[in-house]
Amino acid sequence: MLLLIVLGAVLVVIALFFTIKVGKDIEERNSEYDTEFKATRKHPVLLNPAFLAYIIGFGFLIIFIAYLAMS
């Protein structure tokens, strides 16, 4: 159980860091128009935060189910 709490805390810290980084990037823009980053152009779906949250969440859920099945 402690392992899940630690993993959850790590996930929250990573999400907070990513959110702050995106917020700073948006504040630094001087244009009214959105700029398209090269990474977004190459992988538009994978860099979507909601999509990443679903992937990470279901990944942890599958790992948790596997952990419960083995114990």
PDB file of N, CA and C in Angstrom:
ATOM      1  N   MET A   1       0.827  -1.193   0.000  1.00  0.00           N
ATOM      2  CA  MET A   1       0.000   0.000   0.000  1.00  0.00           C
ATOM      3  C   MET A   1       0.875   1.263   0.000  1.00  0.00           C
ATOM      4  N   LEU A   2       1.983   1.199   0.718  1.00  0.00           N
ATOM      5  CA  LEU A   2       2.887   2.341   0.756  1.00  0.00           C
ATOM      6  C   LEU A   2       3.462   2.626  -0.629  1.00  0.00           C
ATOM      7  N   LEU A   3       3.708   1.556  -1.381  1.00  0.00           N
ATOM      8  CA  LEU A   3       4.227   1.713  -2.741  1.00  0.00           C
ATOM      9  C   LEU A   3       3.250   2.506  -3.612  1.00  0.00           C
ATOM     10  N   LEU A   4       1.972   2.235  -3.489  1.00  0.00           N
ATOM     11  CA  LEU A   4       0.973   2.966  -4.282  1.00  0.00           C
ATOM     12  C   LEU A   4       0.906   4.434  -3.874  1.00  0.00           C
ATOM     13  N   ILE A   5       1.046   4.700  -2.593  1.00  0.00           N
ATOM     14  CA  ILE A   5       1.035   6.087  -2.131  1.00  0.00           C
ATOM     15  C   ILE A   5       2.238   6.835  -2.686  1.00  0.00           C
ATOM     16  N   VAL A   6       3.392   6.196  -2.676  1.00  0.00           N
ATOM     17  CA  VAL A   6       4.596   6.822  -3.205  1.00  0.00           C
ATOM     18  C   VAL A   6       4.462   7.051  -4.708  1.00  0.00           C
ATOM     19  N   LEU A   7       3.947   6.055  -5.432  1.00  0.00           N
ATOM     20  CA  LEU A   7       3.754   6.212  -6.880  1.00  0.00           C
ATOM     21  C   LEU A   7       2.760   7.333  -7.185  1.00  0.00           C
ATOM     22  N   GLY A   8       1.697   7.430  -6.398  1.00  0.00           N
ATOM     23  CA  GLY A   8       0.730   8.504  -6.579  1.00  0.00           C
ATOM     24  C   GLY A   8       1.344   9.871  -6.323  1.00  0.00           C
ATOM     25  N   ALA A   9       2.170   9.959  -5.284  1.00  0.00           N
ATOM     26  CA  ALA A   9       2.830  11.231  -4.973  1.00  0.00           C
ATOM     27  C   ALA A   9       3.798  11.628  -6.083  1.00  0.00           C
ATOM     28  N   VAL A  10       4.532  10.658  -6.616  1.00  0.00           N
ATOM     29  CA  VAL A  10       5.457  10.942  -7.716  1.00  0.00           C
ATOM     30  C   VAL A  10       4.682  11.426  -8.933  1.00  0.00           C
ATOM     31  N   LEU A  11       3.565  10.783  -9.220  1.00  0.00           N
ATOM     32  CA  LEU A  11       2.736  11.189 -10.358  1.00  0.00           C
ATOM     33  C   LEU A  11       2.212  12.611 -10.181  1.00  0.00           C
ATOM     34  N   VAL A  12       1.800  12.956  -8.980  1.00  0.00           N
ATOM     35  CA  VAL A  12       1.297  14.304  -8.713  1.00  0.00           C
ATOM     36  C   VAL A  12       2.407  15.341  -8.903  1.00  0.00           C
ATOM     37  N   VAL A  13       3.615  15.030  -8.443  1.00  0.00           N
ATOM     38  CA  VAL A  13       4.734  15.963  -8.592  1.00  0.00           C
ATOM     39  C   VAL A  13       5.081  16.150 -10.071  1.00  0.00           C
ATOM     40  N   ILE A  14       5.095  15.058 -10.829  1.00  0.00           N
ATOM     41  CA  ILE A  14       5.384  15.154 -12.265  1.00  0.00           C
ATOM     42  C   ILE A  14       4.315  15.976 -12.968  1.00  0.00           C
ATOM     43  N   ALA A  15       3.046  15.747 -12.638  1.00  0.00           N
ATOM     44  CA  ALA A  15       1.958  16.500 -13.265  1.00  0.00           C
ATOM     45  C   ALA A  15       2.055  17.985 -12.913  1.00  0.00           C
ATOM     46  N   LEU A  16       2.396  18.286 -11.665  1.00  0.00           N
ATOM     47  CA  LEU A  16       2.544  19.680 -11.254  1.00  0.00           C
ATOM     48  C   LEU A  16       3.686  20.351 -12.013  1.00  0.00           C
ATOM     49  N   PHE A  17       4.817  19.665 -12.132  1.00  0.00           N
ATOM     50  CA  PHE A  17       5.963  20.205 -12.867  1.00  0.00           C
ATOM     51  C   PHE A  17       5.589  20.463 -14.324  1.00  0.00           C
ATOM     52  N   PHE A  18       4.901  19.511 -14.956  1.00  0.00           N
ATOM     53  CA  PHE A  18       4.506  19.654 -16.360  1.00  0.00           C
ATOM     54  C   PHE A  18       3.536  20.822 -16.528  1.00  0.00           C
ATOM     55  N   THR A  19       2.586  20.965 -15.606  1.00  0.00           N
ATOM     56  CA  THR A  19       1.611  22.052 -15.683  1.00  0.00           C
ATOM     57  C   THR A  19       2.295  23.408 -15.534  1.00  0.00           C
ATOM     58  N   ILE A  20       3.221  23.528 -14.588  1.00  0.00           N
ATOM     59  CA  ILE A  20       3.931  24.791 -14.394  1.00  0.00           C
ATOM     60  C   ILE A  20       4.778  25.123 -15.617  1.00  0.00           C
ATOM     61  N   LYS A  21       5.429  24.108 -16.200  1.00  0.00           N
ATOM     62  CA  LYS A  21       6.251  24.321 -17.383  1.00  0.00           C
ATOM     63  C   LYS A  21       5.409  24.822 -18.557  1.00  0.00           C
ATOM     64  N   VAL A  22       4.252  24.223 -18.774  1.00  0.00           N
ATOM     65  CA  VAL A  22       3.377  24.662 -19.860  1.00  0.00           C
ATOM     66  C   VAL A  22       2.870  26.069 -19.591  1.00  0.00           C
ATOM     67  N   GLY A  23       2.524  26.367 -18.335  1.00  0.00           N
ATOM     68  CA  GLY A  23       2.071  27.715 -17.989  1.00  0.00           C
ATOM     69  C   GLY A  23       3.125  28.771 -18.255  1.00  0.00           C
ATOM     70  N   LYS A  24       4.380  28.469 -17.933  1.00  0.00           N
ATOM     71  CA  LYS A  24       5.465  29.425 -18.196  1.00  0.00           C
ATOM     72  C   LYS A  24       5.679  29.603 -19.691  1.00  0.00           C
ATOM     73  N   ASP A  25       5.570  28.518 -20.454  1.00  0.00           N
ATOM     74  CA  ASP A  25       5.717  28.626 -21.909  1.00  0.00           C
ATOM     75  C   ASP A  25       4.639  29.524 -22.505  1.00  0.00           C
ATOM     76  N   ILE A  26       3.427  29.418 -21.998  1.00  0.00           N
ATOM     77  CA  ILE A  26       2.321  30.234 -22.519  1.00  0.00           C
ATOM     78  C   ILE A  26       2.523  31.699 -22.142  1.00  0.00           C
ATOM     79  N   GLU A  27       2.985  31.961 -20.920  1.00  0.00           N
ATOM     80  CA  GLU A  27       3.204  33.343 -20.492  1.00  0.00           C
ATOM     81  C   GLU A  27       4.306  34.028 -21.292  1.00  0.00           C
ATOM     82  N   GLU A  28       5.303  33.285 -21.733  1.00  0.00           N
ATOM     83  CA  GLU A  28       6.426  33.868 -22.454  1.00  0.00           C
ATOM     84  C   GLU A  28       6.092  34.227 -23.893  1.00  0.00           C
ATOM     85  N   ARG A  29       4.984  33.736 -24.394  1.00  0.00           N
ATOM     86  CA  ARG A  29       4.614  34.058 -25.772  1.00  0.00           C
ATOM     87  C   ARG A  29       4.187  35.523 -25.864  1.00  0.00           C
ATOM     88  N   ASN A  30       4.602  36.166 -26.910  1.00  0.00           N
ATOM     89  CA  ASN A  30       4.228  37.569 -27.111  1.00  0.00           C
ATOM     90  C   ASN A  30       3.190  37.724 -28.211  1.00  0.00           C
ATOM     91  N   SER A  31       2.843  36.646 -28.855  1.00  0.00           N
ATOM     92  CA  SER A  31       1.935  36.711 -29.995  1.00  0.00           C
ATOM     93  C   SER A  31       0.523  36.319 -29.584  1.00  0.00           C
ATOM     94  N   GLU A  32      -0.450  36.843 -30.334  1.00  0.00           N
ATOM     95  CA  GLU A  32      -1.832  36.432 -30.111  1.00  0.00           C
ATOM     96  C   GLU A  32      -2.088  35.049 -30.678  1.00  0.00           C
ATOM     97  N   TYR A  33      -1.298  34.648 -31.623  1.00  0.00           N
ATOM     98  CA  TYR A  33      -1.512  33.388 -32.303  1.00  0.00           C
ATOM     99  C   TYR A  33      -0.706  32.285 -31.631  1.00  0.00           C
ATOM    100  N   ASP A  34      -1.288  31.108 -31.598  1.00  0.00           N
ATOM    101  CA  ASP A  34      -0.583  29.967 -31.028  1.00  0.00           C
ATOM    102  C   ASP A  34       0.524  29.535 -31.966  1.00  0.00           C
ATOM    103  N   THR A  35       1.645  29.212 -31.379  1.00  0.00           N
ATOM    104  CA  THR A  35       2.734  28.676 -32.186  1.00  0.00           C
ATOM    105  C   THR A  35       2.686  27.164 -32.111  1.00  0.00           C
ATOM    106  N   GLU A  36       3.134  26.534 -33.170  1.00  0.00           N
ATOM    107  CA  GLU A  36       3.125  25.082 -33.216  1.00  0.00           C
ATOM    108  C   GLU A  36       4.553  24.592 -33.001  1.00  0.00           C
ATOM    109  N   PHE A  37       4.736  23.796 -31.958  1.00  0.00           N
ATOM    110  CA  PHE A  37       6.049  23.254 -31.667  1.00  0.00           C
ATOM    111  C   PHE A  37       6.340  22.063 -32.567  1.00  0.00           C
ATOM    112  N   LYS A  38       7.612  21.827 -32.816  1.00  0.00           N
ATOM    113  CA  LYS A  38       8.008  20.717 -33.689  1.00  0.00           C
ATOM    114  C   LYS A  38       7.556  19.377 -33.106  1.00  0.00           C
ATOM    115  N   ALA A  39       7.660  19.209 -31.788  1.00  0.00           N
ATOM    116  CA  ALA A  39       7.245  17.952 -31.160  1.00  0.00           C
ATOM    117  C   ALA A  39       5.736  17.748 -31.283  1.00  0.00           C
ATOM    118  N   THR A  40       4.969  18.819 -31.172  1.00  0.00           N
ATOM    119  CA  THR A  40       3.517  18.711 -31.317  1.00  0.00           C
ATOM    120  C   THR A  40       3.136  18.364 -32.742  1.00  0.00           C
ATOM    121  N   ARG A  41       3.868  18.881 -33.680  1.00  0.00           N
ATOM    122  CA  ARG A  41       3.595  18.583 -35.078  1.00  0.00           C
ATOM    123  C   ARG A  41       3.844  17.104 -35.373  1.00  0.00           C
ATOM    124  N   LYS A  42       4.877  16.540 -34.743  1.00  0.00           N
ATOM    125  CA  LYS A  42       5.215  15.142 -34.990  1.00  0.00           C
ATOM    126  C   LYS A  42       4.268  14.183 -34.250  1.00  0.00           C
ATOM    127  N   HIS A  43       3.874  14.524 -33.022  1.00  0.00           N
ATOM    128  CA  HIS A  43       3.039  13.646 -32.198  1.00  0.00           C
ATOM    129  C   HIS A  43       1.908  14.449 -31.548  1.00  0.00           C
ATOM    130  N   PRO A  44       0.893  14.864 -32.308  1.00  0.00           N
ATOM    131  CA  PRO A  44      -0.127  15.739 -31.723  1.00  0.00           C
ATOM    132  C   PRO A  44      -0.984  15.070 -30.653  1.00  0.00           C
ATOM    133  N   VAL A  45      -1.225  13.782 -30.765  1.00  0.00           N
ATOM    134  CA  VAL A  45      -2.082  13.104 -29.794  1.00  0.00           C
ATOM    135  C   VAL A  45      -1.311  12.739 -28.536  1.00  0.00           C
ATOM    136  N   LEU A  46      -0.076  12.314 -28.695  1.00  0.00           N
ATOM    137  CA  LEU A  46       0.684  11.851 -27.547  1.00  0.00           C
ATOM    138  C   LEU A  46       1.044  12.964 -26.576  1.00  0.00           C
ATOM    139  N   LEU A  47       1.091  14.197 -27.029  1.00  0.00           N
ATOM    140  CA  LEU A  47       1.423  15.299 -26.137  1.00  0.00           C
ATOM    141  C   LEU A  47       0.187  15.963 -25.528  1.00  0.00           C
ATOM    142  N   ASN A  48      -0.984  15.383 -25.750  1.00  0.00           N
ATOM    143  CA  ASN A  48      -2.214  15.884 -25.150  1.00  0.00           C
ATOM    144  C   ASN A  48      -2.241  15.455 -23.683  1.00  0.00           C
ATOM    145  N   PRO A  49      -2.292  16.378 -22.721  1.00  0.00           N
ATOM    146  CA  PRO A  49      -2.240  15.996 -21.306  1.00  0.00           C
ATOM    147  C   PRO A  49      -3.380  15.080 -20.874  1.00  0.00           C
ATOM    148  N   ALA A  50      -4.582  15.269 -21.408  1.00  0.00           N
ATOM    149  CA  ALA A  50      -5.693  14.393 -21.031  1.00  0.00           C
ATOM    150  C   ALA A  50      -5.438  12.973 -21.517  1.00  0.00           C
ATOM    151  N   PHE A  51      -4.925  12.835 -22.723  1.00  0.00           N
ATOM    152  CA  PHE A  51      -4.612  11.524 -23.273  1.00  0.00           C
ATOM    153  C   PHE A  51      -3.512  10.846 -22.461  1.00  0.00           C
ATOM    154  N   LEU A  52      -2.494  11.616 -22.078  1.00  0.00           N
ATOM    155  CA  LEU A  52      -1.431  11.071 -21.243  1.00  0.00           C
ATOM    156  C   LEU A  52      -1.951  10.632 -19.880  1.00  0.00           C
ATOM    157  N   ALA A  53      -2.885  11.389 -19.310  1.00  0.00           N
ATOM    158  CA  ALA A  53      -3.451  11.027 -18.010  1.00  0.00           C
ATOM    159  C   ALA A  53      -4.196   9.699 -18.097  1.00  0.00           C
ATOM    160  N   TYR A  54      -4.948   9.495 -19.176  1.00  0.00           N
ATOM    161  CA  TYR A  54      -5.649   8.216 -19.347  1.00  0.00           C
ATOM    162  C   TYR A  54      -4.663   7.063 -19.509  1.00  0.00           C
ATOM    163  N   ILE A  55      -3.629   7.253 -20.298  1.00  0.00           N
ATOM    164  CA  ILE A  55      -2.644   6.189 -20.509  1.00  0.00           C
ATOM    165  C   ILE A  55      -1.941   5.835 -19.198  1.00  0.00           C
ATOM    166  N   ILE A  56      -1.482   6.854 -18.483  1.00  0.00           N
ATOM    167  CA  ILE A  56      -0.777   6.614 -17.227  1.00  0.00           C
ATOM    168  C   ILE A  56      -1.720   6.009 -16.180  1.00  0.00           C
ATOM    169  N   GLY A  57      -2.928   6.529 -16.098  1.00  0.00           N
ATOM    170  CA  GLY A  57      -3.894   6.015 -15.125  1.00  0.00           C
ATOM    171  C   GLY A  57      -4.254   4.565 -15.371  1.00  0.00           C
ATOM    172  N   PHE A  58      -4.548   4.208 -16.618  1.00  0.00           N
ATOM    173  CA  PHE A  58      -4.875   2.822 -16.918  1.00  0.00           C
ATOM    174  C   PHE A  58      -3.653   1.921 -16.772  1.00  0.00           C
ATOM    175  N   GLY A  59      -2.475   2.457 -17.059  1.00  0.00           N
ATOM    176  CA  GLY A  59      -1.260   1.674 -16.850  1.00  0.00           C
ATOM    177  C   GLY A  59      -1.081   1.318 -15.380  1.00  0.00           C
ATOM    178  N   PHE A  60      -1.245   2.302 -14.495  1.00  0.00           N
ATOM    179  CA  PHE A  60      -1.141   2.023 -13.067  1.00  0.00           C
ATOM    180  C   PHE A  60      -2.252   1.086 -12.602  1.00  0.00           C
ATOM    181  N   LEU A  61      -3.435   1.221 -13.160  1.00  0.00           N
ATOM    182  CA  LEU A  61      -4.535   0.332 -12.798  1.00  0.00           C
ATOM    183  C   LEU A  61      -4.229  -1.114 -13.180  1.00  0.00           C
ATOM    184  N   ILE A  62      -3.675  -1.324 -14.349  1.00  0.00           N
ATOM    185  CA  ILE A  62      -3.318  -2.672 -14.786  1.00  0.00           C
ATOM    186  C   ILE A  62      -2.206  -3.243 -13.905  1.00  0.00           C
ATOM    187  N   ILE A  63      -1.225  -2.408 -13.570  1.00  0.00           N
ATOM    188  CA  ILE A  63      -0.158  -2.873 -12.682  1.00  0.00           C
ATOM    189  C   ILE A  63      -0.712  -3.212 -11.305  1.00  0.00           C
ATOM    190  N   PHE A  64      -1.632  -2.415 -10.807  1.00  0.00           N
ATOM    191  CA  PHE A  64      -2.241  -2.678  -9.499  1.00  0.00           C
ATOM    192  C   PHE A  64      -3.044  -3.970  -9.516  1.00  0.00           C
ATOM    193  N   ILE A  65      -3.804  -4.198 -10.572  1.00  0.00           N
ATOM    194  CA  ILE A  65      -4.592  -5.434 -10.677  1.00  0.00           C
ATOM    195  C   ILE A  65      -3.656  -6.645 -10.739  1.00  0.00           C
ATOM    196  N   ALA A  66      -2.577  -6.522 -11.509  1.00  0.00           N
ATOM    197  CA  ALA A  66      -1.609  -7.615 -11.583  1.00  0.00           C
ATOM    198  C   ALA A  66      -0.960  -7.873 -10.226  1.00  0.00           C
ATOM    199  N   TYR A  67      -0.669  -6.803  -9.495  1.00  0.00           N
ATOM    200  CA  TYR A  67      -0.080  -6.934  -8.154  1.00  0.00           C
ATOM    201  C   TYR A  67      -1.041  -7.656  -7.216  1.00  0.00           C
ATOM    202  N   LEU A  68      -2.319  -7.281  -7.256  1.00  0.00           N
ATOM    203  CA  LEU A  68      -3.305  -7.934  -6.396  1.00  0.00           C
ATOM    204  C   LEU A  68      -3.502  -9.389  -6.784  1.00  0.00           C
ATOM    205  N   ALA A  69      -3.438  -9.690  -8.066  1.00  0.00           N
ATOM    206  CA  ALA A  69      -3.625 -11.071  -8.523  1.00  0.00           C
ATOM    207  C   ALA A  69      -2.460 -11.955  -8.074  1.00  0.00           C
ATOM    208  N   MET A  70      -1.262 -11.392  -7.998  1.00  0.00           N
ATOM    209  CA  MET A  70      -0.093 -12.188  -7.609  1.00  0.00           C
ATOM    210  C   MET A  70       0.036 -12.362  -6.106  1.00  0.00           C
ATOM    211  N   SER A  71      -0.598 -11.484  -5.347  1.00  0.00           N
ATOM    212  CA  SER A  71      -0.443 -11.605  -3.895  1.00  0.00           C
ATOM    213  C   SER A  71      -1.611 -12.316  -3.238  1.00  0.00           C
TER     214      SER A  71
END
